[in-house]
Structure formats: structure tokens, C-alpha cells
Amino acid sequence: AFYPFTFPITAGPGCIVVMLTLSVHNQQTSIEDKVLAH
């Protein structure tokens, strides 16, 4: 169910790159805004 159906068939390395990029792309200043972005 997890390997290989979840990773890498469903969520592969590309998804890891996207989530890392979007996570650090979160440039909100306040804690509340950061939480809302997540």
C-alpha cells in the first residue's frame, strides 16, 4: 500500500520537490498567516 503504490507510483520524487518548494515559498510574516498557508 505504501511502497510502491503510494511512493513512487502515486506521489513520486516530483511531488517531494513541489512540496519542498511550496513550503519554503511560504513567505508570510505573521505566525497566523504561515499557519493558514500550511
All heavy atoms as atom14 arrays in JSON, in Angstrom:
{
  "sequence": "AFYPFTFPITAGPGCIVVMLTLSVHNQQTSIEDKVLAH",
  "atom14_mask": [
    [1, 1, 1, 1, 1, 0, 0, 0, 0, 0, 0, 0, 0, 0],
    [1, 1, 1, 1, 1, 1, 1, 1, 1, 1, 1, 0, 0, 0],
    [1, 1, 1, 1, 1, 1, 1, 1, 1, 1, 1, 1, 0, 0],
    [1, 1, 1, 1, 1, 1, 1, 0, 0, 0, 0, 0, 0, 0],
    [1, 1, 1, 1, 1, 1, 1, 1, 1, 1, 1, 0, 0, 0],
    [1, 1, 1, 1, 1, 1, 1, 0, 0, 0, 0, 0, 0, 0],
    [1, 1, 1, 1, 1, 1, 1, 1, 1, 1, 1, 0, 0, 0],
    [1, 1, 1, 1, 1, 1, 1, 0, 0, 0, 0, 0, 0, 0],
    [1, 1, 1, 1, 1, 1, 1, 1, 0, 0, 0, 0, 0, 0],
    [1, 1, 1, 1, 1, 1, 1, 0, 0, 0, 0, 0, 0, 0],
    [1, 1, 1, 1, 1, 0, 0, 0, 0, 0, 0, 0, 0, 0],
    [1, 1, 1, 1, 0, 0, 0, 0, 0, 0, 0, 0, 0, 0],
    [1, 1, 1, 1, 1, 1, 1, 0, 0, 0, 0, 0, 0, 0],
    [1, 1, 1, 1, 0, 0, 0, 0, 0, 0, 0, 0, 0, 0],
    [1, 1, 1, 1, 1, 1, 0, 0, 0, 0, 0, 0, 0, 0],
    [1, 1, 1, 1, 1, 1, 1, 1, 0, 0, 0, 0, 0, 0],
    [1, 1, 1, 1, 1, 1, 1, 0, 0, 0, 0, 0, 0, 0],
    [1, 1, 1, 1, 1, 1, 1, 0, 0, 0, 0, 0, 0, 0],
    [1, 1, 1, 1, 1, 1, 1, 1, 0, 0, 0, 0, 0, 0],
    [1, 1, 1, 1, 1, 1, 1, 1, 0, 0, 0, 0, 0, 0],
    [1, 1, 1, 1, 1, 1, 1, 0, 0, 0, 0, 0, 0, 0],
    [1, 1, 1, 1, 1, 1, 1, 1, 0, 0, 0, 0, 0, 0],
    [1, 1, 1, 1, 1, 1, 0, 0, 0, 0, 0, 0, 0, 0],
    [1, 1, 1, 1, 1, 1, 1, 0, 0, 0, 0, 0, 0, 0],
    [1, 1, 1, 1, 1, 1, 1, 1, 1, 1, 0, 0, 0, 0],
    [1, 1, 1, 1, 1, 1, 1, 1, 0, 0, 0, 0, 0, 0],
    [1, 1, 1, 1, 1, 1, 1, 1, 1, 0, 0, 0, 0, 0],
    [1, 1, 1, 1, 1, 1, 1, 1, 1, 0, 0, 0, 0, 0],
    [1, 1, 1, 1, 1, 1, 1, 0, 0, 0, 0, 0, 0, 0],
    [1, 1, 1, 1, 1, 1, 0, 0, 0, 0, 0, 0, 0, 0],
    [1, 1, 1, 1, 1, 1, 1, 1, 0, 0, 0, 0, 0, 0],
    [1, 1, 1, 1, 1, 1, 1, 1, 1, 0, 0, 0, 0, 0],
    [1, 1, 1, 1, 1, 1, 1, 1, 0, 0, 0, 0, 0, 0],
    [1, 1, 1, 1, 1, 1, 1, 1, 1, 0, 0, 0, 0, 0],
    [1, 1, 1, 1, 1, 1, 1, 0, 0, 0, 0, 0, 0, 0],
    [1, 1, 1, 1, 1, 1, 1, 1, 0, 0, 0, 0, 0, 0],
    [1, 1, 1, 1, 1, 0, 0, 0, 0, 0, 0, 0, 0, 0],
    [1, 1, 1, 1, 1, 1, 1, 1, 1, 1, 0, 0, 0, 0]
  ],
  "atom14_positions": [
    [[0.82, -1.21, 0.0], [0.0, 0.0, 0.0], [0.85, 1.26, 0.0], [0.51, 2.25, -0.67], [-0.94, -0.01, 1.2], [0.0, 0.0, 0.0], [0.0, 0.0, 0.0], [0.0, 0.0, 0.0], [0.0, 0.0, 0.0], [0.0, 0.0, 0.0], [0.0, 0.0, 0.0], [0.0, 0.0, 0.0], [0.0, 0.0, 0.0], [0.0, 0.0, 0.0]],
    [[1.97, 1.25, 0.75], [2.83, 2.43, 0.75], [3.85, 2.37, -0.39], [3.96, 3.29, -1.2], [3.55, 2.61, 2.08], [4.43, 3.83, 2.1], [3.89, 5.09, 2.26], [5.81, 3.71, 1.93], [4.69, 6.22, 2.25], [6.62, 4.84, 1.91], [6.06, 6.09, 2.07], [0.0, 0.0, 0.0], [0.0, 0.0, 0.0], [0.0, 0.0, 0.0]],
    [[4.62, 1.28, -0.39], [5.62, 1.12, -1.47], [5.29, -0.14, -2.25], [5.22, -1.22, -1.67], [7.03, 1.02, -0.89], [8.09, 0.87, -1.97], [8.62, 1.98, -2.59], [8.53, -0.4, -2.36], [9.58, 1.84, -3.6], [9.48, -0.54, -3.35], [10.0, 0.59, -3.97], [10.94, 0.47, -4.96], [0.0, 0.0, 0.0], [0.0, 0.0, 0.0]],
    [[5.02, -0.05, -3.54], [5.2, 1.14, -4.4], [3.92, 1.91, -4.73], [3.99, 2.85, -5.5], [5.77, 0.51, -5.66], [5.04, -0.8, -5.76], [4.82, -1.26, -4.33], [0.0, 0.0, 0.0], [0.0, 0.0, 0.0], [0.0, 0.0, 0.0], [0.0, 0.0, 0.0], [0.0, 0.0, 0.0], [0.0, 0.0, 0.0], [0.0, 0.0, 0.0]],
    [[2.75, 1.49, -4.18], [1.51, 2.13, -4.62], [1.43, 3.61, -4.26], [0.97, 4.42, -5.07], [0.3, 1.38, -4.05], [0.11, 0.01, -4.63], [-0.55, -0.98, -3.92], [0.59, -0.31, -5.89], [-0.73, -2.25, -4.45], [0.43, -1.57, -6.43], [-0.24, -2.54, -5.71], [0.0, 0.0, 0.0], [0.0, 0.0, 0.0], [0.0, 0.0, 0.0]],
    [[1.86, 3.96, -3.02], [1.86, 5.38, -2.64], [3.09, 6.08, -3.18], [2.99, 7.12, -3.85], [1.79, 5.52, -1.11], [0.61, 4.89, -0.62], [1.78, 6.99, -0.71], [0.0, 0.0, 0.0], [0.0, 0.0, 0.0], [0.0, 0.0, 0.0], [0.0, 0.0, 0.0], [0.0, 0.0, 0.0], [0.0, 0.0, 0.0], [0.0, 0.0, 0.0]],
    [[4.26, 5.53, -2.85], [5.51, 6.08, -3.36], [6.27, 4.95, -4.06], [6.49, 3.9, -3.47], [6.37, 6.63, -2.22], [7.7, 7.2, -2.66], [7.78, 8.49, -3.12], [8.83, 6.41, -2.64], [9.0, 9.02, -3.53], [10.05, 6.93, -3.06], [10.13, 8.24, -3.51], [0.0, 0.0, 0.0], [0.0, 0.0, 0.0], [0.0, 0.0, 0.0]],
    [[6.65, 5.1, -5.33], [6.61, 6.34, -6.13], [5.48, 6.41, -7.15], [5.44, 7.36, -7.92], [7.95, 6.28, -6.85], [8.14, 4.82, -7.12], [7.52, 4.08, -5.95], [0.0, 0.0, 0.0], [0.0, 0.0, 0.0], [0.0, 0.0, 0.0], [0.0, 0.0, 0.0], [0.0, 0.0, 0.0], [0.0, 0.0, 0.0], [0.0, 0.0, 0.0]],
    [[4.57, 5.42, -7.2], [3.56, 5.4, -8.25], [2.61, 6.59, -8.15], [2.31, 7.27, -9.14], [2.78, 4.07, -8.23], [3.7, 2.92, -8.66], [1.56, 4.14, -9.15], [3.07, 1.56, -8.56], [0.0, 0.0, 0.0], [0.0, 0.0, 0.0], [0.0, 0.0, 0.0], [0.0, 0.0, 0.0], [0.0, 0.0, 0.0], [0.0, 0.0, 0.0]],
    [[2.11, 6.86, -6.93], [1.16, 7.96, -6.76], [1.87, 9.29, -6.51], [1.66, 10.27, -7.24], [0.2, 7.65, -5.6], [-0.45, 6.41, -5.84], [-0.84, 8.74, -5.45], [0.0, 0.0, 0.0], [0.0, 0.0, 0.0], [0.0, 0.0, 0.0], [0.0, 0.0, 0.0], [0.0, 0.0, 0.0], [0.0, 0.0, 0.0], [0.0, 0.0, 0.0]],
    [[2.66, 9.36, -5.48], [3.42, 10.57, -5.14], [4.9, 10.26, -5.28], [5.5, 9.65, -4.39], [3.09, 11.03, -3.73], [0.0, 0.0, 0.0], [0.0, 0.0, 0.0], [0.0, 0.0, 0.0], [0.0, 0.0, 0.0], [0.0, 0.0, 0.0], [0.0, 0.0, 0.0], [0.0, 0.0, 0.0], [0.0, 0.0, 0.0], [0.0, 0.0, 0.0]],
    [[5.48, 10.69, -6.39], [6.88, 10.38, -6.66], [7.82, 11.5, -6.25], [7.43, 12.44, -5.54], [0.0, 0.0, 0.0], [0.0, 0.0, 0.0], [0.0, 0.0, 0.0], [0.0, 0.0, 0.0], [0.0, 0.0, 0.0], [0.0, 0.0, 0.0], [0.0, 0.0, 0.0], [0.0, 0.0, 0.0], [0.0, 0.0, 0.0], [0.0, 0.0, 0.0]],
    [[9.06, 11.43, -6.72], [10.05, 12.46, -6.38], [9.63, 13.87, -6.78], [9.96, 14.84, -6.1], [11.3, 12.02, -7.15], [11.12, 10.54, -7.33], [9.65, 10.33, -7.5], [0.0, 0.0, 0.0], [0.0, 0.0, 0.0], [0.0, 0.0, 0.0], [0.0, 0.0, 0.0], [0.0, 0.0, 0.0], [0.0, 0.0, 0.0], [0.0, 0.0, 0.0]],
    [[8.89, 13.99, -7.89], [8.43, 15.3, -8.3], [7.54, 15.96, -7.27], [7.61, 17.18, -7.06], [0.0, 0.0, 0.0], [0.0, 0.0, 0.0], [0.0, 0.0, 0.0], [0.0, 0.0, 0.0], [0.0, 0.0, 0.0], [0.0, 0.0, 0.0], [0.0, 0.0, 0.0], [0.0, 0.0, 0.0], [0.0, 0.0, 0.0], [0.0, 0.0, 0.0]],
    [[6.7, 15.17, -6.6], [5.84, 15.71, -5.55], [6.65, 16.2, -4.36], [6.29, 17.19, -3.72], [4.84, 14.64, -5.09], [3.65, 14.17, -6.35], [0.0, 0.0, 0.0], [0.0, 0.0, 0.0], [0.0, 0.0, 0.0], [0.0, 0.0, 0.0], [0.0, 0.0, 0.0], [0.0, 0.0, 0.0], [0.0, 0.0, 0.0], [0.0, 0.0, 0.0]],
    [[7.76, 15.5, -4.07], [8.63, 15.93, -2.98], [9.22, 17.31, -3.29], [9.24, 18.21, -2.44], [9.75, 14.9, -2.74], [9.15, 13.57, -2.29], [10.75, 15.42, -1.71], [10.18, 12.47, -2.09], [0.0, 0.0, 0.0], [0.0, 0.0, 0.0], [0.0, 0.0, 0.0], [0.0, 0.0, 0.0], [0.0, 0.0, 0.0], [0.0, 0.0, 0.0]],
    [[9.69, 17.48, -4.54], [10.26, 18.77, -4.95], [9.21, 19.87, -4.85], [9.49, 20.98, -4.35], [10.81, 18.66, -6.39], [11.25, 20.04, -6.89], [11.97, 17.69, -6.45], [0.0, 0.0, 0.0], [0.0, 0.0, 0.0], [0.0, 0.0, 0.0], [0.0, 0.0, 0.0], [0.0, 0.0, 0.0], [0.0, 0.0, 0.0], [0.0, 0.0, 0.0]],
    [[8.0, 19.59, -5.33], [6.94, 20.6, -5.31], [6.6, 21.0, -3.88], [6.5, 22.19, -3.56], [5.69, 20.07, -6.04], [4.49, 20.98, -5.76], [5.95, 20.0, -7.53], [0.0, 0.0, 0.0], [0.0, 0.0, 0.0], [0.0, 0.0, 0.0], [0.0, 0.0, 0.0], [0.0, 0.0, 0.0], [0.0, 0.0, 0.0], [0.0, 0.0, 0.0]],
    [[6.41, 20.03, -2.98], [6.04, 20.34, -1.61], [7.15, 21.09, -0.89], [6.89, 22.02, -0.12], [5.69, 19.07, -0.85], [4.38, 18.43, -1.29], [2.96, 19.54, -1.19], [2.79, 19.74, 0.59], [0.0, 0.0, 0.0], [0.0, 0.0, 0.0], [0.0, 0.0, 0.0], [0.0, 0.0, 0.0], [0.0, 0.0, 0.0], [0.0, 0.0, 0.0]],
    [[8.4, 20.7, -1.13], [9.52, 21.43, -0.52], [9.55, 22.87, -1.02], [9.73, 23.82, -0.24], [10.84, 20.74, -0.85], [11.19, 19.48, -0.06], [12.46, 18.84, -0.61], [11.36, 19.8, 1.42], [0.0, 0.0, 0.0], [0.0, 0.0, 0.0], [0.0, 0.0, 0.0], [0.0, 0.0, 0.0], [0.0, 0.0, 0.0], [0.0, 0.0, 0.0]],
    [[9.37, 23.04, -2.33], [9.43, 24.38, -2.91], [8.29, 25.25, -2.41], [8.49, 26.41, -2.03], [9.38, 24.29, -4.44], [10.44, 23.45, -4.91], [9.53, 25.67, -5.07], [0.0, 0.0, 0.0], [0.0, 0.0, 0.0], [0.0, 0.0, 0.0], [0.0, 0.0, 0.0], [0.0, 0.0, 0.0], [0.0, 0.0, 0.0], [0.0, 0.0, 0.0]],
    [[7.07, 24.72, -2.39], [5.92, 25.5, -1.93], [6.01, 25.78, -0.44], [5.57, 26.84, 0.02], [4.62, 24.75, -2.25], [4.26, 24.63, -3.73], [2.98, 23.84, -3.89], [4.15, 26.0, -4.38], [0.0, 0.0, 0.0], [0.0, 0.0, 0.0], [0.0, 0.0, 0.0], [0.0, 0.0, 0.0], [0.0, 0.0, 0.0], [0.0, 0.0, 0.0]],
    [[6.58, 24.86, 0.32], [6.72, 25.06, 1.76], [7.66, 26.22, 2.06], [7.34, 27.1, 2.86], [7.22, 23.78, 2.43], [7.39, 23.97, 3.81], [0.0, 0.0, 0.0], [0.0, 0.0, 0.0], [0.0, 0.0, 0.0], [0.0, 0.0, 0.0], [0.0, 0.0, 0.0], [0.0, 0.0, 0.0], [0.0, 0.0, 0.0], [0.0, 0.0, 0.0]],
    [[8.81, 26.24, 1.42], [9.76, 27.32, 1.67], [9.35, 28.58, 0.92], [9.83, 29.68, 1.22], [11.19, 26.93, 1.26], [11.67, 25.73, 2.04], [11.28, 26.63, -0.24], [0.0, 0.0, 0.0], [0.0, 0.0, 0.0], [0.0, 0.0, 0.0], [0.0, 0.0, 0.0], [0.0, 0.0, 0.0], [0.0, 0.0, 0.0], [0.0, 0.0, 0.0]],
    [[8.44, 28.44, -0.06], [7.91, 29.62, -0.77], [6.96, 30.42, 0.1], [6.63, 31.56, -0.21], [7.19, 29.15, -2.04], [6.71, 30.27, -2.91], [7.56, 31.19, -3.49], [5.47, 30.64, -3.3], [6.87, 32.06, -4.2], [5.58, 31.74, -4.09], [0.0, 0.0, 0.0], [0.0, 0.0, 0.0], [0.0, 0.0, 0.0], [0.0, 0.0, 0.0]],
    [[6.57, 29.83, 1.22], [5.67, 30.5, 2.16], [6.43, 31.62, 2.88], [7.18, 31.39, 3.82], [5.14, 29.47, 3.18], [4.21, 30.09, 4.2], [3.88, 31.26, 4.13], [3.81, 29.29, 5.17], [0.0, 0.0, 0.0], [0.0, 0.0, 0.0], [0.0, 0.0, 0.0], [0.0, 0.0, 0.0], [0.0, 0.0, 0.0], [0.0, 0.0, 0.0]],
    [[6.23, 32.84, 2.42], [6.96, 33.99, 2.94], [6.07, 34.89, 3.82], [6.35, 36.08, 3.96], [7.55, 34.82, 1.79], [8.59, 34.07, 0.97], [9.1, 34.9, -0.18], [8.34, 35.55, -0.89], [10.4, 34.89, -0.38], [0.0, 0.0, 0.0], [0.0, 0.0, 0.0], [0.0, 0.0, 0.0], [0.0, 0.0, 0.0], [0.0, 0.0, 0.0]],
    [[5.02, 34.33, 4.37], [4.14, 35.12, 5.22], [4.9, 35.56, 6.47], [5.71, 34.83, 7.02], [2.9, 34.3, 5.6], [2.15, 33.74, 4.4], [1.69, 34.82, 3.44], [1.27, 35.89, 3.86], [1.79, 34.54, 2.15], [0.0, 0.0, 0.0], [0.0, 0.0, 0.0], [0.0, 0.0, 0.0], [0.0, 0.0, 0.0], [0.0, 0.0, 0.0]],
    [[4.62, 36.76, 6.92], [5.37, 37.34, 8.05], [4.83, 36.89, 9.4], [5.59, 36.52, 10.29], [5.35, 38.87, 7.96], [3.99, 39.31, 7.87], [6.09, 39.33, 6.71], [0.0, 0.0, 0.0], [0.0, 0.0, 0.0], [0.0, 0.0, 0.0], [0.0, 0.0, 0.0], [0.0, 0.0, 0.0], [0.0, 0.0, 0.0], [0.0, 0.0, 0.0]],
    [[3.52, 36.92, 9.58], [2.95, 36.56, 10.87], [2.79, 35.05, 11.0], [2.67, 34.33, 10.01], [1.59, 37.24, 11.05], [0.64, 36.72, 10.14], [0.0, 0.0, 0.0], [0.0, 0.0, 0.0], [0.0, 0.0, 0.0], [0.0, 0.0, 0.0], [0.0, 0.0, 0.0], [0.0, 0.0, 0.0], [0.0, 0.0, 0.0], [0.0, 0.0, 0.0]],
    [[2.77, 34.61, 12.24], [2.61, 33.18, 12.52], [1.24, 32.7, 12.03], [1.11, 31.6, 11.48], [2.77, 32.89, 14.02], [4.2, 33.23, 14.47], [2.44, 31.43, 14.33], [4.45, 33.01, 15.94], [0.0, 0.0, 0.0], [0.0, 0.0, 0.0], [0.0, 0.0, 0.0], [0.0, 0.0, 0.0], [0.0, 0.0, 0.0], [0.0, 0.0, 0.0]],
    [[0.23, 33.53, 12.23], [-1.13, 33.16, 11.8], [-1.19, 32.94, 10.29], [-1.79, 31.96, 9.82], [-2.12, 34.25, 12.2], [-3.56, 33.94, 11.8], [-4.52, 35.05, 12.17], [-4.06, 36.04, 12.8], [-5.71, 34.94, 11.84], [0.0, 0.0, 0.0], [0.0, 0.0, 0.0], [0.0, 0.0, 0.0], [0.0, 0.0, 0.0], [0.0, 0.0, 0.0]],
    [[-0.55, 33.83, 9.53], [-0.56, 33.7, 8.07], [0.23, 32.47, 7.63], [-0.14, 31.79, 6.66], [0.03, 34.95, 7.42], [-0.91, 36.14, 7.52], [-2.09, 35.92, 7.87], [-0.46, 37.27, 7.28], [0.0, 0.0, 0.0], [0.0, 0.0, 0.0], [0.0, 0.0, 0.0], [0.0, 0.0, 0.0], [0.0, 0.0, 0.0], [0.0, 0.0, 0.0]],
    [[1.33, 32.17, 8.32], [2.1, 30.97, 7.99], [1.27, 29.71, 8.22], [1.29, 28.78, 7.41], [3.38, 30.92, 8.84], [4.46, 31.89, 8.41], [5.69, 31.74, 9.3], [6.79, 32.71, 8.88], [7.34, 32.35, 7.56], [0.0, 0.0, 0.0], [0.0, 0.0, 0.0], [0.0, 0.0, 0.0], [0.0, 0.0, 0.0], [0.0, 0.0, 0.0]],
    [[0.54, 29.7, 9.33], [-0.31, 28.54, 9.63], [-1.39, 28.39, 8.57], [-1.67, 27.28, 8.1], [-0.93, 28.69, 11.04], [-1.99, 27.61, 11.26], [0.14, 28.6, 12.1], [0.0, 0.0, 0.0], [0.0, 0.0, 0.0], [0.0, 0.0, 0.0], [0.0, 0.0, 0.0], [0.0, 0.0, 0.0], [0.0, 0.0, 0.0], [0.0, 0.0, 0.0]],
    [[-1.99, 29.52, 8.17], [-3.04, 29.48, 7.15], [-2.49, 28.98, 5.82], [-3.17, 28.24, 5.09], [-3.66, 30.87, 6.98], [-4.5, 31.39, 8.14], [-4.97, 32.82, 7.87], [-5.7, 30.47, 8.37], [0.0, 0.0, 0.0], [0.0, 0.0, 0.0], [0.0, 0.0, 0.0], [0.0, 0.0, 0.0], [0.0, 0.0, 0.0], [0.0, 0.0, 0.0]],
    [[-1.26, 29.36, 5.49], [-0.64, 28.89, 4.24], [-0.44, 27.38, 4.29], [-0.71, 26.67, 3.31], [0.69, 29.6, 4.02], [0.0, 0.0, 0.0], [0.0, 0.0, 0.0], [0.0, 0.0, 0.0], [0.0, 0.0, 0.0], [0.0, 0.0, 0.0], [0.0, 0.0, 0.0], [0.0, 0.0, 0.0], [0.0, 0.0, 0.0], [0.0, 0.0, 0.0]],
    [[0.04, 26.87, 5.42], [0.21, 25.42, 5.56], [-1.13, 24.7, 5.53], [-1.23, 23.59, 4.99], [0.95, 25.11, 6.86], [2.43, 25.37, 6.8], [3.28, 24.64, 5.99], [3.2, 26.28, 7.45], [4.51, 25.08, 6.15], [4.49, 26.08, 7.03], [0.0, 0.0, 0.0], [0.0, 0.0, 0.0], [0.0, 0.0, 0.0], [0.0, 0.0, 0.0]]
  ]
}
